[in-house]
């Protein structure tokens, strides 16, 4: 089986339908008059959003925690301002499942030791 292949278009090109701009629809619209308390105006105070990865790194901290119930090492990224976990590996559901299965294994081992006759 070769790794070289080509994809060829099938059929002719399709022209997209022409859509009229919304401004044409507003020319024929009926003007409404609203009371002042029901009107909405655009705010001049535009919030500028900056994509600054360094600021995100300053705000986030990395933590390594040992979960004793699940017997697992947990890696977390925590927001320093809110103390909320942003990312975690393994996730909470997996840790709960591992802790549950570990508890079942401990109970099973204890039952096995109780049923063993240690006297000869």
PDB file of N, CA and C in Angstrom:
ATOM      1  N   UNK A   1       0.846  -1.159   0.000  1.00  0.00           N
ATOM      2  CA  UNK A   1       0.000   0.000   0.000  1.00  0.00           C
ATOM      3  C   UNK A   1       0.896   1.229   0.000  1.00  0.00           C
ATOM      4  N   UNK A   2       0.641   2.113  -0.923  1.00  0.00           N
ATOM      5  CA  UNK A   2       1.454   3.312  -1.045  1.00  0.00           C
ATOM      6  C   UNK A   2       0.959   4.423  -0.151  1.00  0.00           C
ATOM      7  N   UNK A   3       1.864   5.334   0.147  1.00  0.00           N
ATOM      8  CA  UNK A   3       1.488   6.460   0.982  1.00  0.00           C
ATOM      9  C   UNK A   3       1.192   7.704   0.173  1.00  0.00           C
ATOM     10  N   UNK A   4       1.403   7.624  -1.138  1.00  0.00           N
ATOM     11  CA  UNK A   4       1.134   8.790  -1.972  1.00  0.00           C
ATOM     12  C   UNK A   4      -0.277   8.689  -2.542  1.00  0.00           C
ATOM     13  N   UNK A   5      -1.048   9.718  -2.374  1.00  0.00           N
ATOM     14  CA  UNK A   5      -2.393   9.763  -2.923  1.00  0.00           C
ATOM     15  C   UNK A   5      -2.753  11.202  -3.189  1.00  0.00           C
ATOM     16  N   UNK A   6      -3.745  11.394  -4.000  1.00  0.00           N
ATOM     17  CA  UNK A   6      -4.214  12.740  -4.301  1.00  0.00           C
ATOM     18  C   UNK A   6      -5.711  12.796  -4.106  1.00  0.00           C
ATOM     19  N   UNK A   7      -6.179  13.957  -3.766  1.00  0.00           N
ATOM     20  CA  UNK A   7      -7.612  14.183  -3.599  1.00  0.00           C
ATOM     21  C   UNK A   7      -8.031  15.149  -4.685  1.00  0.00           C
ATOM     22  N   UNK A   8      -8.992  14.731  -5.481  1.00  0.00           N
ATOM     23  CA  UNK A   8      -9.453  15.563  -6.581  1.00  0.00           C
ATOM     24  C   UNK A   8     -10.883  16.012  -6.303  1.00  0.00           C
ATOM     25  N   UNK A   9     -11.187  17.258  -6.576  1.00  0.00           N
ATOM     26  CA  UNK A   9     -12.567  17.720  -6.366  1.00  0.00           C
ATOM     27  C   UNK A   9     -13.508  17.081  -7.380  1.00  0.00           C
ATOM     28  N   UNK A  10     -14.734  16.846  -6.959  1.00  0.00           N
ATOM     29  CA  UNK A  10     -15.745  16.239  -7.813  1.00  0.00           C
ATOM     30  C   UNK A  10     -16.796  17.284  -8.105  1.00  0.00           C
ATOM     31  N   UNK A  11     -17.208  17.407  -9.350  1.00  0.00           N
ATOM     32  CA  UNK A  11     -18.258  18.349  -9.731  1.00  0.00           C
ATOM     33  C   UNK A  11     -17.708  19.740  -9.955  1.00  0.00           C
ATOM     34  N   UNK A  12     -18.591  20.642 -10.309  1.00  0.00           N
ATOM     35  CA  UNK A  12     -18.195  22.018 -10.588  1.00  0.00           C
ATOM     36  C   UNK A  12     -18.202  22.862  -9.337  1.00  0.00           C
ATOM     37  N   UNK A  13     -17.659  24.047  -9.460  1.00  0.00           N
ATOM     38  CA  UNK A  13     -17.638  24.946  -8.320  1.00  0.00           C
ATOM     39  C   UNK A  13     -19.025  25.536  -8.102  1.00  0.00           C
ATOM     40  N   UNK A  14     -19.323  25.821  -6.868  1.00  0.00           N
ATOM     41  CA  UNK A  14     -20.624  26.351  -6.495  1.00  0.00           C
ATOM     42  C   UNK A  14     -20.425  27.782  -6.020  1.00  0.00           C
ATOM     43  N   UNK A  15     -21.164  28.707  -6.610  1.00  0.00           N
ATOM     44  CA  UNK A  15     -21.083  30.105  -6.201  1.00  0.00           C
ATOM     45  C   UNK A  15     -21.977  30.307  -4.980  1.00  0.00           C
ATOM     46  N   UNK A  16     -21.472  30.959  -3.940  1.00  0.00           N
ATOM     47  CA  UNK A  16     -22.298  31.192  -2.765  1.00  0.00           C
ATOM     48  C   UNK A  16     -23.416  32.187  -3.089  1.00  0.00           C
ATOM     49  N   UNK A  17     -24.559  32.045  -2.438  1.00  0.00           N
ATOM     50  CA  UNK A  17     -25.651  32.979  -2.705  1.00  0.00           C
ATOM     51  C   UNK A  17     -25.283  34.385  -2.239  1.00  0.00           C
ATOM     52  N   UNK A  18     -25.763  35.372  -2.942  1.00  0.00           N
ATOM     53  CA  UNK A  18     -25.483  36.763  -2.616  1.00  0.00           C
ATOM     54  C   UNK A  18     -26.432  37.207  -1.508  1.00  0.00           C
ATOM     55  N   UNK A  19     -25.861  37.681  -0.427  1.00  0.00           N
ATOM     56  CA  UNK A  19     -26.638  38.126   0.721  1.00  0.00           C
ATOM     57  C   UNK A  19     -26.514  39.634   0.804  1.00  0.00           C
ATOM     58  N   UNK A  20     -27.661  40.319   0.883  1.00  0.00           N
ATOM     59  CA  UNK A  20     -27.640  41.772   0.982  1.00  0.00           C
ATOM     60  C   UNK A  20     -27.219  42.191   2.373  1.00  0.00           C
ATOM     61  N   UNK A  21     -26.505  43.280   2.495  1.00  0.00           N
ATOM     62  CA  UNK A  21     -26.091  43.739   3.830  1.00  0.00           C
ATOM     63  C   UNK A  21     -27.299  44.164   4.656  1.00  0.00           C
ATOM     64  N   UNK A  22     -27.128  44.154   5.942  1.00  0.00           N
ATOM     65  CA  UNK A  22     -28.211  44.496   6.859  1.00  0.00           C
ATOM     66  C   UNK A  22     -28.611  45.961   6.741  1.00  0.00           C
ATOM     67  N   UNK A  23     -27.740  46.811   6.243  1.00  0.00           N
ATOM     68  CA  UNK A  23     -28.057  48.229   6.147  1.00  0.00           C
ATOM     69  C   UNK A  23     -29.256  48.480   5.235  1.00  0.00           C
ATOM     70  N   UNK A  24     -29.446  47.672   4.202  1.00  0.00           N
ATOM     71  CA  UNK A  24     -30.583  47.845   3.302  1.00  0.00           C
ATOM     72  C   UNK A  24     -31.898  47.570   4.036  1.00  0.00           C
ATOM     73  N   UNK A  25     -31.878  46.626   4.964  1.00  0.00           N
ATOM     74  CA  UNK A  25     -33.078  46.316   5.726  1.00  0.00           C
ATOM     75  C   UNK A  25     -33.417  47.399   6.728  1.00  0.00           C
ATOM     76  N   UNK A  26     -32.443  48.108   7.228  1.00  0.00           N
ATOM     77  CA  UNK A  26     -32.712  49.149   8.205  1.00  0.00           C
ATOM     78  C   UNK A  26     -33.282  50.404   7.563  1.00  0.00           C
ATOM     79  N   UNK A  27     -33.089  50.561   6.258  1.00  0.00           N
ATOM     80  CA  UNK A  27     -33.641  51.739   5.582  1.00  0.00           C
ATOM     81  C   UNK A  27     -35.159  51.701   5.553  1.00  0.00           C
ATOM     82  N   UNK A  28     -35.728  50.507   5.482  1.00  0.00           N
ATOM     83  CA  UNK A  28     -37.184  50.381   5.418  1.00  0.00           C
ATOM     84  C   UNK A  28     -37.811  50.082   6.776  1.00  0.00           C
ATOM     85  N   UNK A  29     -37.017  50.041   7.806  1.00  0.00           N
ATOM     86  CA  UNK A  29     -37.526  49.725   9.136  1.00  0.00           C
ATOM     87  C   UNK A  29     -38.321  50.900   9.700  1.00  0.00           C
ATOM     88  N   UNK A  30     -39.240  50.567  10.577  1.00  0.00           N
ATOM     89  CA  UNK A  30     -40.060  51.575  11.224  1.00  0.00           C
ATOM     90  C   UNK A  30     -39.305  52.106  12.428  1.00  0.00           C
ATOM     91  N   UNK A  31     -39.233  53.420  12.537  1.00  0.00           N
ATOM     92  CA  UNK A  31     -38.527  54.029  13.657  1.00  0.00           C
ATOM     93  C   UNK A  31     -39.362  53.874  14.926  1.00  0.00           C
ATOM     94  N   UNK A  32     -38.697  53.495  16.003  1.00  0.00           N
ATOM     95  CA  UNK A  32     -39.402  53.327  17.275  1.00  0.00           C
ATOM     96  C   UNK A  32     -38.909  54.357  18.263  1.00  0.00           C
ATOM     97  N   UNK A  33     -39.791  54.728  19.145  1.00  0.00           N
ATOM     98  CA  UNK A  33     -39.422  55.657  20.196  1.00  0.00           C
ATOM     99  C   UNK A  33     -39.644  54.959  21.525  1.00  0.00           C
ATOM    100  N   UNK A  34     -38.565  54.828  22.278  1.00  0.00           N
ATOM    101  CA  UNK A  34     -38.627  54.155  23.566  1.00  0.00           C
ATOM    102  C   UNK A  34     -38.418  55.163  24.676  1.00  0.00           C
ATOM    103  N   UNK A  35     -38.977  54.872  25.837  1.00  0.00           N
ATOM    104  CA  UNK A  35     -38.684  55.724  26.987  1.00  0.00           C
ATOM    105  C   UNK A  35     -37.196  55.626  27.338  1.00  0.00           C
ATOM    106  N   UNK A  36     -36.679  56.625  27.998  1.00  0.00           N
ATOM    107  CA  UNK A  36     -35.245  56.694  28.291  1.00  0.00           C
ATOM    108  C   UNK A  36     -34.761  55.513  29.114  1.00  0.00           C
ATOM    109  N   UNK A  37     -35.586  55.005  30.023  1.00  0.00           N
ATOM    110  CA  UNK A  37     -35.140  53.905  30.875  1.00  0.00           C
ATOM    111  C   UNK A  37     -35.106  52.565  30.139  1.00  0.00           C
ATOM    112  N   UNK A  38     -35.672  52.482  28.922  1.00  0.00           N
ATOM    113  CA  UNK A  38     -35.656  51.240  28.158  1.00  0.00           C
ATOM    114  C   UNK A  38     -34.673  51.277  26.987  1.00  0.00           C
ATOM    115  N   UNK A  39     -34.006  52.376  26.787  1.00  0.00           N
ATOM    116  CA  UNK A  39     -33.065  52.467  25.673  1.00  0.00           C
ATOM    117  C   UNK A  39     -31.724  51.856  26.053  1.00  0.00           C
ATOM    118  N   UNK A  40     -30.987  51.442  25.040  1.00  0.00           N
ATOM    119  CA  UNK A  40     -29.672  50.847  25.224  1.00  0.00           C
ATOM    120  C   UNK A  40     -28.696  51.626  24.374  1.00  0.00           C
ATOM    121  N   UNK A  41     -27.572  51.973  24.951  1.00  0.00           N
ATOM    122  CA  UNK A  41     -26.548  52.691  24.210  1.00  0.00           C
ATOM    123  C   UNK A  41     -25.227  51.963  24.358  1.00  0.00           C
ATOM    124  N   UNK A  42     -24.418  52.065  23.322  1.00  0.00           N
ATOM    125  CA  UNK A  42     -23.097  51.434  23.375  1.00  0.00           C
ATOM    126  C   UNK A  42     -22.207  52.205  24.324  1.00  0.00           C
ATOM    127  N   UNK A  43     -21.429  51.479  25.103  1.00  0.00           N
ATOM    128  CA  UNK A  43     -20.552  52.153  26.058  1.00  0.00           C
ATOM    129  C   UNK A  43     -19.255  52.546  25.366  1.00  0.00           C
ATOM    130  N   UNK A  44     -18.711  53.673  25.783  1.00  0.00           N
ATOM    131  CA  UNK A  44     -17.453  54.146  25.229  1.00  0.00           C
ATOM    132  C   UNK A  44     -16.262  53.520  25.941  1.00  0.00           C
ATOM    133  N   UNK A  45     -16.515  52.969  27.096  1.00  0.00           N
ATOM    134  CA  UNK A  45     -15.424  52.366  27.867  1.00  0.00           C
ATOM    135  C   UNK A  45     -15.193  50.939  27.387  1.00  0.00           C
ATOM    136  N   UNK A  46     -14.532  50.803  26.267  1.00  0.00           N
ATOM    137  CA  UNK A  46     -14.246  49.481  25.712  1.00  0.00           C
ATOM    138  C   UNK A  46     -13.130  48.836  26.517  1.00  0.00           C
ATOM    139  N   UNK A  47     -13.349  47.629  26.921  1.00  0.00           N
ATOM    140  CA  UNK A  47     -12.353  46.903  27.688  1.00  0.00           C
ATOM    141  C   UNK A  47     -11.367  46.290  26.709  1.00  0.00           C
ATOM    142  N   UNK A  48     -10.120  46.634  26.868  1.00  0.00           N
ATOM    143  CA  UNK A  48      -9.115  46.074  25.974  1.00  0.00           C
ATOM    144  C   UNK A  48      -8.636  44.752  26.537  1.00  0.00           C
ATOM    145  N   UNK A  49      -8.624  43.758  25.693  1.00  0.00           N
ATOM    146  CA  UNK A  49      -8.193  42.435  26.083  1.00  0.00           C
ATOM    147  C   UNK A  49      -6.798  42.225  25.526  1.00  0.00           C
ATOM    148  N   UNK A  50      -5.880  41.913  26.386  1.00  0.00           N
ATOM    149  CA  UNK A  50      -4.501  41.702  25.958  1.00  0.00           C
ATOM    150  C   UNK A  50      -4.169  40.223  26.052  1.00  0.00           C
ATOM    151  N   UNK A  51      -3.512  39.738  25.058  1.00  0.00           N
ATOM    152  CA  UNK A  51      -3.061  38.354  25.056  1.00  0.00           C
ATOM    153  C   UNK A  51      -1.615  38.346  25.524  1.00  0.00           C
ATOM    154  N   UNK A  52      -1.438  38.280  26.829  1.00  0.00           N
ATOM    155  CA  UNK A  52      -0.117  38.356  27.416  1.00  0.00           C
ATOM    156  C   UNK A  52       0.162  37.057  28.164  1.00  0.00           C
ATOM    157  N   UNK A  53       0.899  36.114  27.549  1.00  0.00           N
ATOM    158  CA  UNK A  53       1.136  34.843  28.226  1.00  0.00           C
ATOM    159  C   UNK A  53       1.990  34.977  29.483  1.00  0.00           C
ATOM    160  N   UNK A  54       2.843  35.989  29.541  1.00  0.00           N
ATOM    161  CA  UNK A  54       3.675  36.176  30.728  1.00  0.00           C
ATOM    162  C   UNK A  54       2.820  36.541  31.938  1.00  0.00           C
ATOM    163  N   UNK A  55       1.789  37.350  31.730  1.00  0.00           N
ATOM    164  CA  UNK A  55       0.887  37.706  32.832  1.00  0.00           C
ATOM    165  C   UNK A  55       0.147  36.470  33.326  1.00  0.00           C
ATOM    166  N   UNK A  56      -0.238  35.573  32.405  1.00  0.00           N
ATOM    167  CA  UNK A  56      -0.900  34.339  32.816  1.00  0.00           C
ATOM    168  C   UNK A  56       0.042  33.463  33.624  1.00  0.00           C
ATOM    169  N   UNK A  57       1.314  33.413  33.233  1.00  0.00           N
ATOM    170  CA  UNK A  57       2.278  32.603  33.968  1.00  0.00           C
ATOM    171  C   UNK A  57       2.537  33.162  35.356  1.00  0.00           C
ATOM    172  N   UNK A  58       2.509  34.474  35.513  1.00  0.00           N
ATOM    173  CA  UNK A  58       2.698  35.076  36.832  1.00  0.00           C
ATOM    174  C   UNK A  58       1.521  34.777  37.753  1.00  0.00           C
ATOM    175  N   UNK A  59       0.369  34.641  37.183  1.00  0.00           N
ATOM    176  CA  UNK A  59      -0.851  34.437  37.944  1.00  0.00           C
ATOM    177  C   UNK A  59      -1.080  32.963  38.281  1.00  0.00           C
ATOM    178  N   UNK A  60      -0.447  32.036  37.532  1.00  0.00           N
ATOM    179  CA  UNK A  60      -0.654  30.608  37.733  1.00  0.00           C
ATOM    180  C   UNK A  60       0.545  29.995  38.452  1.00  0.00           C
ATOM    181  N   UNK A  61       0.263  29.045  39.313  1.00  0.00           N
ATOM    182  CA  UNK A  61       1.345  28.310  39.973  1.00  0.00           C
ATOM    183  C   UNK A  61       1.145  26.821  39.713  1.00  0.00           C
ATOM    184  N   UNK A  62       2.262  26.126  39.647  1.00  0.00           N
ATOM    185  CA  UNK A  62       2.232  24.677  39.424  1.00  0.00           C
ATOM    186  C   UNK A  62       2.494  23.979  40.745  1.00  0.00           C
ATOM    187  N   UNK A  63       1.705  22.942  41.009  1.00  0.00           N
ATOM    188  CA  UNK A  63       1.824  22.221  42.276  1.00  0.00           C
ATOM    189  C   UNK A  63       1.871  20.726  42.006  1.00  0.00           C
ATOM    190  N   UNK A  64       2.607  20.030  42.841  1.00  0.00           N
ATOM    191  CA  UNK A  64       2.631  18.572  42.820  1.00  0.00           C
ATOM    192  C   UNK A  64       2.159  18.113  44.188  1.00  0.00           C
ATOM    193  N   UNK A  65       1.086  17.319  44.214  1.00  0.00           N
ATOM    194  CA  UNK A  65       0.467  16.884  45.459  1.00  0.00           C
ATOM    195  C   UNK A  65       0.377  15.363  45.429  1.00  0.00           C
ATOM    196  N   UNK A  66       0.557  14.744  46.582  1.00  0.00           N
ATOM    197  CA  UNK A  66       0.382  13.292  46.683  1.00  0.00           C
ATOM    198  C   UNK A  66      -0.976  13.016  47.311  1.00  0.00           C
ATOM    199  N   UNK A  67      -1.838  12.346  46.558  1.00  0.00           N
ATOM    200  CA  UNK A  67      -3.158  11.956  47.053  1.00  0.00           C
ATOM    201  C   UNK A  67      -3.006  10.591  47.714  1.00  0.00           C
ATOM    202  N   UNK A  68      -3.086  10.564  49.048  1.00  0.00           N
ATOM    203  CA  UNK A  68      -2.841   9.324  49.777  1.00  0.00           C
ATOM    204  C   UNK A  68      -3.962   8.310  49.592  1.00  0.00           C
ATOM    205  N   UNK A  69      -5.196   8.768  49.456  1.00  0.00           N
ATOM    206  CA  UNK A  69      -6.316   7.838  49.297  1.00  0.00           C
ATOM    207  C   UNK A  69      -6.207   7.067  47.986  1.00  0.00           C
ATOM    208  N   UNK A  70      -5.763   7.747  46.925  1.00  0.00           N
ATOM    209  CA  UNK A  70      -5.637   7.095  45.625  1.00  0.00           C
ATOM    210  C   UNK A  70      -4.228   6.577  45.392  1.00  0.00           C
ATOM    211  N   UNK A  71      -3.286   6.927  46.271  1.00  0.00           N
ATOM    212  CA  UNK A  71      -1.874   6.564  46.112  1.00  0.00           C
ATOM    213  C   UNK A  71      -1.361   7.047  44.764  1.00  0.00           C
ATOM    214  N   UNK A  72      -1.614   8.309  44.463  1.00  0.00           N
ATOM    215  CA  UNK A  72      -1.250   8.905  43.178  1.00  0.00           C
ATOM    216  C   UNK A  72      -0.572  10.241  43.386  1.00  0.00           C
ATOM    217  N   UNK A  73       0.282  10.589  42.431  1.00  0.00           N
ATOM    218  CA  UNK A  73       0.864  11.919  42.375  1.00  0.00           C
ATOM    219  C   UNK A  73      -0.025  12.759  41.479  1.00  0.00           C
ATOM    220  N   UNK A  74      -0.424  13.938  41.962  1.00  0.00           N
ATOM    221  CA  UNK A  74      -1.354  14.804  41.238  1.00  0.00           C
ATOM    222  C   UNK A  74      -0.617  16.080  40.844  1.00  0.00           C
ATOM    223  N   UNK A  75      -0.693  16.416  39.566  1.00  0.00           N
ATOM    224  CA  UNK A  75      -0.102  17.655  39.051  1.00  0.00           C
ATOM    225  C   UNK A  75      -1.224  18.667  38.860  1.00  0.00           C
ATOM    226  N   UNK A  76      -1.063  19.866  39.430  1.00  0.00           N
ATOM    227  CA  UNK A  76      -2.106  20.884  39.354  1.00  0.00           C
ATOM    228  C   UNK A  76      -1.533  22.213  38.885  1.00  0.00           C
ATOM    229  N   UNK A  77      -2.367  22.966  38.162  1.00  0.00           N
ATOM    230  CA  UNK A  77      -2.091  24.357  37.830  1.00  0.00           C
ATOM    231  C   UNK A  77      -3.171  25.157  38.542  1.00  0.00           C
ATOM    232  N   UNK A  78      -2.748  26.044  39.448  1.00  0.00           N
ATOM    233  CA  UNK A  78      -3.684  26.759  40.324  1.00  0.00           C
ATOM    234  C   UNK A  78      -3.598  28.253  40.041  1.00  0.00           C
ATOM    235  N   UNK A  79      -4.758  28.912  39.987  1.00  0.00           N
ATOM    236  CA  UNK A  79      -4.830  30.362  39.848  1.00  0.00           C
ATOM    237  C   UNK A  79      -4.539  30.981  41.214  1.00  0.00           C
ATOM    238  N   UNK A  80      -3.499  31.826  41.290  1.00  0.00           N
ATOM    239  CA  UNK A  80      -3.098  32.406  42.569  1.00  0.00           C
ATOM    240  C   UNK A  80      -4.114  33.393  43.128  1.00  0.00           C
ATOM    241  N   UNK A  81      -4.849  34.077  42.254  1.00  0.00           N
ATOM    242  CA  UNK A  81      -5.812  35.078  42.733  1.00  0.00           C
ATOM    243  C   UNK A  81      -7.036  34.438  43.352  1.00  0.00           C
ATOM    244  N   UNK A  82      -7.550  33.381  42.737  1.00  0.00           N
ATOM    245  CA  UNK A  82      -8.791  32.777  43.208  1.00  0.00           C
ATOM    246  C   UNK A  82      -8.574  31.463  43.944  1.00  0.00           C
ATOM    247  N   UNK A  83      -7.366  30.906  43.889  1.00  0.00           N
ATOM    248  CA  UNK A  83      -7.028  29.620  44.499  1.00  0.00           C
ATOM    249  C   UNK A  83      -7.839  28.470  43.908  1.00  0.00           C
ATOM    250  N   UNK A  84      -8.294  28.633  42.678  1.00  0.00           N
ATOM    251  CA  UNK A  84      -9.018  27.578  41.990  1.00  0.00           C
ATOM    252  C   UNK A  84      -8.064  26.770  41.117  1.00  0.00           C
ATOM    253  N   UNK A  85      -8.347  25.472  40.985  1.00  0.00           N
ATOM    254  CA  UNK A  85      -7.540  24.602  40.137  1.00  0.00           C
ATOM    255  C   UNK A  85      -7.940  24.822  38.691  1.00  0.00           C
ATOM    256  N   UNK A  86      -6.975  25.224  37.862  1.00  0.00           N
ATOM    257  CA  UNK A  86      -7.242  25.468  36.450  1.00  0.00           C
ATOM    258  C   UNK A  86      -7.168  24.156  35.671  1.00  0.00           C
ATOM    259  N   UNK A  87      -6.084  23.393  35.890  1.00  0.00           N
ATOM    260  CA  UNK A  87      -5.905  22.091  35.251  1.00  0.00           C
ATOM    261  C   UNK A  87      -5.366  21.126  36.294  1.00  0.00           C
ATOM    262  N   UNK A  88      -5.705  19.845  36.095  1.00  0.00           N
ATOM    263  CA  UNK A  88      -5.227  18.827  37.019  1.00  0.00           C
ATOM    264  C   UNK A  88      -5.086  17.512  36.276  1.00  0.00           C
ATOM    265  N   UNK A  89      -3.986  16.792  36.571  1.00  0.00           N
ATOM    266  CA  UNK A  89      -3.806  15.463  36.001  1.00  0.00           C
ATOM    267  C   UNK A  89      -3.341  14.542  37.110  1.00  0.00           C
ATOM    268  N   UNK A  90      -3.953  13.406  37.326  1.00  0.00           N
ATOM    269  CA  UNK A  90      -5.225  12.937  36.787  1.00  0.00           C
ATOM    270  C   UNK A  90      -6.385  13.727  37.378  1.00  0.00           C
ATOM    271  N   UNK A  91      -7.505  13.710  36.688  1.00  0.00           N
ATOM    272  CA  UNK A  91      -8.644  14.519  37.110  1.00  0.00           C
ATOM    273  C   UNK A  91      -9.323  13.910  38.333  1.00  0.00           C
ATOM    274  N   UNK A  92     -10.252  14.680  38.912  1.00  0.00           N
ATOM    275  CA  UNK A  92     -10.913  14.286  40.161  1.00  0.00           C
ATOM    276  C   UNK A  92     -11.643  12.953  40.051  1.00  0.00           C
ATOM    277  N   UNK A  93     -12.334  12.726  38.955  1.00  0.00           N
ATOM    278  CA  UNK A  93     -13.101  11.484  38.803  1.00  0.00           C
ATOM    279  C   UNK A  93     -12.175  10.268  38.810  1.00  0.00           C
ATOM    280  N   UNK A  94     -11.041  10.393  38.142  1.00  0.00           N
ATOM    281  CA  UNK A  94     -10.095   9.278  38.110  1.00  0.00           C
ATOM    282  C   UNK A  94      -9.494   9.043  39.501  1.00  0.00           C
ATOM    283  N   UNK A  95      -9.211  10.108  40.233  1.00  0.00           N
ATOM    284  CA  UNK A  95      -8.678   9.948  41.585  1.00  0.00           C
ATOM    285  C   UNK A  95      -9.688   9.268  42.509  1.00  0.00           C
ATOM    286  N   UNK A  96     -10.967   9.659  42.397  1.00  0.00           N
ATOM    287  CA  UNK A  96     -12.001   9.021  43.224  1.00  0.00           C
ATOM    288  C   UNK A  96     -12.125   7.542  42.884  1.00  0.00           C
ATOM    289  N   UNK A  97     -12.069   7.206  41.596  1.00  0.00           N
ATOM    290  CA  UNK A  97     -12.178   5.806  41.186  1.00  0.00           C
ATOM    291  C   UNK A  97     -10.990   5.000  41.707  1.00  0.00           C
ATOM    292  N   UNK A  98      -9.793   5.561  41.620  1.00  0.00           N
ATOM    293  CA  UNK A  98      -8.608   4.853  42.114  1.00  0.00           C
ATOM    294  C   UNK A  98      -8.657   4.676  43.627  1.00  0.00           C
ATOM    295  N   UNK A  99      -9.139   5.691  44.348  1.00  0.00           N
ATOM    296  CA  UNK A  99      -9.253   5.578  45.803  1.00  0.00           C
ATOM    297  C   UNK A  99     -10.269   4.501  46.183  1.00  0.00           C
ATOM    298  N   UNK A 100     -11.369   4.433  45.443  1.00  0.00           N
ATOM    299  CA  UNK A 100     -12.400   3.420  45.708  1.00  0.00           C
ATOM    300  C   UNK A 100     -11.840   2.021  45.450  1.00  0.00           C
ATOM    301  N   UNK A 101     -11.173   1.836  44.320  1.00  0.00           N
ATOM    302  CA  UNK A 101     -10.617   0.520  44.000  1.00  0.00           C
ATOM    303  C   UNK A 101      -9.513   0.130  44.971  1.00  0.00           C
ATOM    304  N   UNK A 102      -8.729   1.088  45.410  1.00  0.00           N
ATOM    305  CA  UNK A 102      -7.671   0.805  46.378  1.00  0.00           C
ATOM    306  C   UNK A 102      -8.280   0.372  47.713  1.00  0.00           C
ATOM    307  N   UNK A 103      -9.356   1.030  48.132  1.00  0.00           N
ATOM    308  CA  UNK A 103     -10.032   0.653  49.378  1.00  0.00           C
ATOM    309  C   UNK A 103     -10.600  -0.767  49.272  1.00  0.00           C
ATOM    310  N   UNK A 104     -11.155  -1.109  48.111  1.00  0.00           N
ATOM    311  CA  UNK A 104     -11.664  -2.469  47.921  1.00  0.00           C
ATOM    312  C   UNK A 104     -10.541  -3.497  47.988  1.00  0.00           C
ATOM    313  N   UNK A 105      -9.386  -3.178  47.416  1.00  0.00           N
ATOM    314  CA  UNK A 105      -8.247  -4.096  47.468  1.00  0.00           C
ATOM    315  C   UNK A 105      -7.771  -4.307  48.900  1.00  0.00           C
ATOM    316  N   UNK A 106      -7.755  -3.249  49.695  1.00  0.00           N
ATOM    317  CA  UNK A 106      -7.326  -3.368  51.092  1.00  0.00           C
ATOM    318  C   UNK A 106      -8.282  -4.260  51.871  1.00  0.00           C
ATOM    319  N   UNK A 107      -9.589  -4.087  51.654  1.00  0.00           N
ATOM    320  CA  UNK A 107     -10.582  -4.925  52.338  1.00  0.00           C
ATOM    321  C   UNK A 107     -10.423  -6.376  51.908  1.00  0.00           C
ATOM    322  N   UNK A 108     -10.198  -6.610  50.629  1.00  0.00           N
ATOM    323  CA  UNK A 108     -10.030  -7.967  50.119  1.00  0.00           C
ATOM    324  C   UNK A 108      -8.786  -8.628  50.723  1.00  0.00           C
ATOM    325  N   UNK A 109      -7.708  -7.875  50.869  1.00  0.00           N
ATOM    326  CA  UNK A 109      -6.492  -8.429  51.460  1.00  0.00           C
ATOM    327  C   UNK A 109      -6.681  -8.745  52.942  1.00  0.00           C
ATOM    328  N   UNK A 110      -7.426  -7.880  53.638  1.00  0.00           N
ATOM    329  CA  UNK A 110      -7.684  -8.139  55.058  1.00  0.00           C
ATOM    330  C   UNK A 110      -8.524  -9.396  55.244  1.00  0.00           C
ATOM    331  N   UNK A 111      -9.502  -9.602  54.363  1.00  0.00           N
ATOM    332  CA  UNK A 111     -10.329 -10.825  54.447  1.00  0.00           C
ATOM    333  C   UNK A 111      -9.501 -12.072  54.153  1.00  0.00           C
ATOM    334  N   UNK A 112      -8.572 -11.957  53.218  1.00  0.00           N
ATOM    335  CA  UNK A 112      -7.727 -13.103  52.881  1.00  0.00           C
ATOM    336  C   UNK A 112      -6.833 -13.473  54.060  1.00  0.00           C
ATOM    337  N   UNK A 113      -6.337 -12.488  54.796  1.00  0.00           N
ATOM    338  CA  UNK A 113      -5.481 -12.775  55.947  1.00  0.00           C
ATOM    339  C   UNK A 113      -6.290 -13.344  57.109  1.00  0.00           C
ATOM    340  N   UNK A 114      -7.546 -12.954  57.257  1.00  0.00           N
ATOM    341  CA  UNK A 114      -8.393 -13.460  58.346  1.00  0.00           C
ATOM    342  C   UNK A 114      -8.773 -14.916  58.104  1.00  0.00           C
ATOM    343  N   UNK A 115      -8.939 -15.306  56.864  1.00  0.00           N
ATOM    344  CA  UNK A 115      -9.362 -16.668  56.532  1.00  0.00           C
ATOM    345  C   UNK A 115      -8.204 -17.655  56.530  1.00  0.00           C
ATOM    346  N   UNK A 116      -7.002 -17.189  56.646  1.00  0.00           N
ATOM    347  CA  UNK A 116      -5.839 -18.078  56.639  1.00  0.00           C
ATOM    348  C   UNK A 116      -5.608 -18.655  58.025  1.00  0.00           C
ATOM    349  N   UNK A 117      -5.466 -19.961  58.119  1.00  0.00           N
ATOM    350  CA  UNK A 117      -5.187 -20.614  59.381  1.00  0.00           C
ATOM    351  C   UNK A 117      -3.679 -20.609  59.580  1.00  0.00           C
ATOM    352  N   UNK A 118      -3.236 -19.864  60.594  1.00  0.00           N
ATOM    353  CA  UNK A 118      -1.808 -19.732  60.825  1.00  0.00           C
ATOM    354  C   UNK A 118      -1.263 -20.817  61.749  1.00  0.00           C
ATOM    355  N   UNK A 119      -2.110 -21.658  62.364  1.00  0.00           N
ATOM    356  CA  UNK A 119      -1.653 -22.711  63.259  1.00  0.00           C
ATOM    357  C   UNK A 119      -1.524 -24.016  62.487  1.00  0.00           C
ATOM    358  N   UNK A 120      -0.492 -24.727  62.807  1.00  0.00           N
ATOM    359  CA  UNK A 120      -0.280 -25.996  62.120  1.00  0.00           C
ATOM    360  C   UNK A 120      -0.760 -27.157  62.918  1.00  0.00           C
TER     361      UNK A 120
END
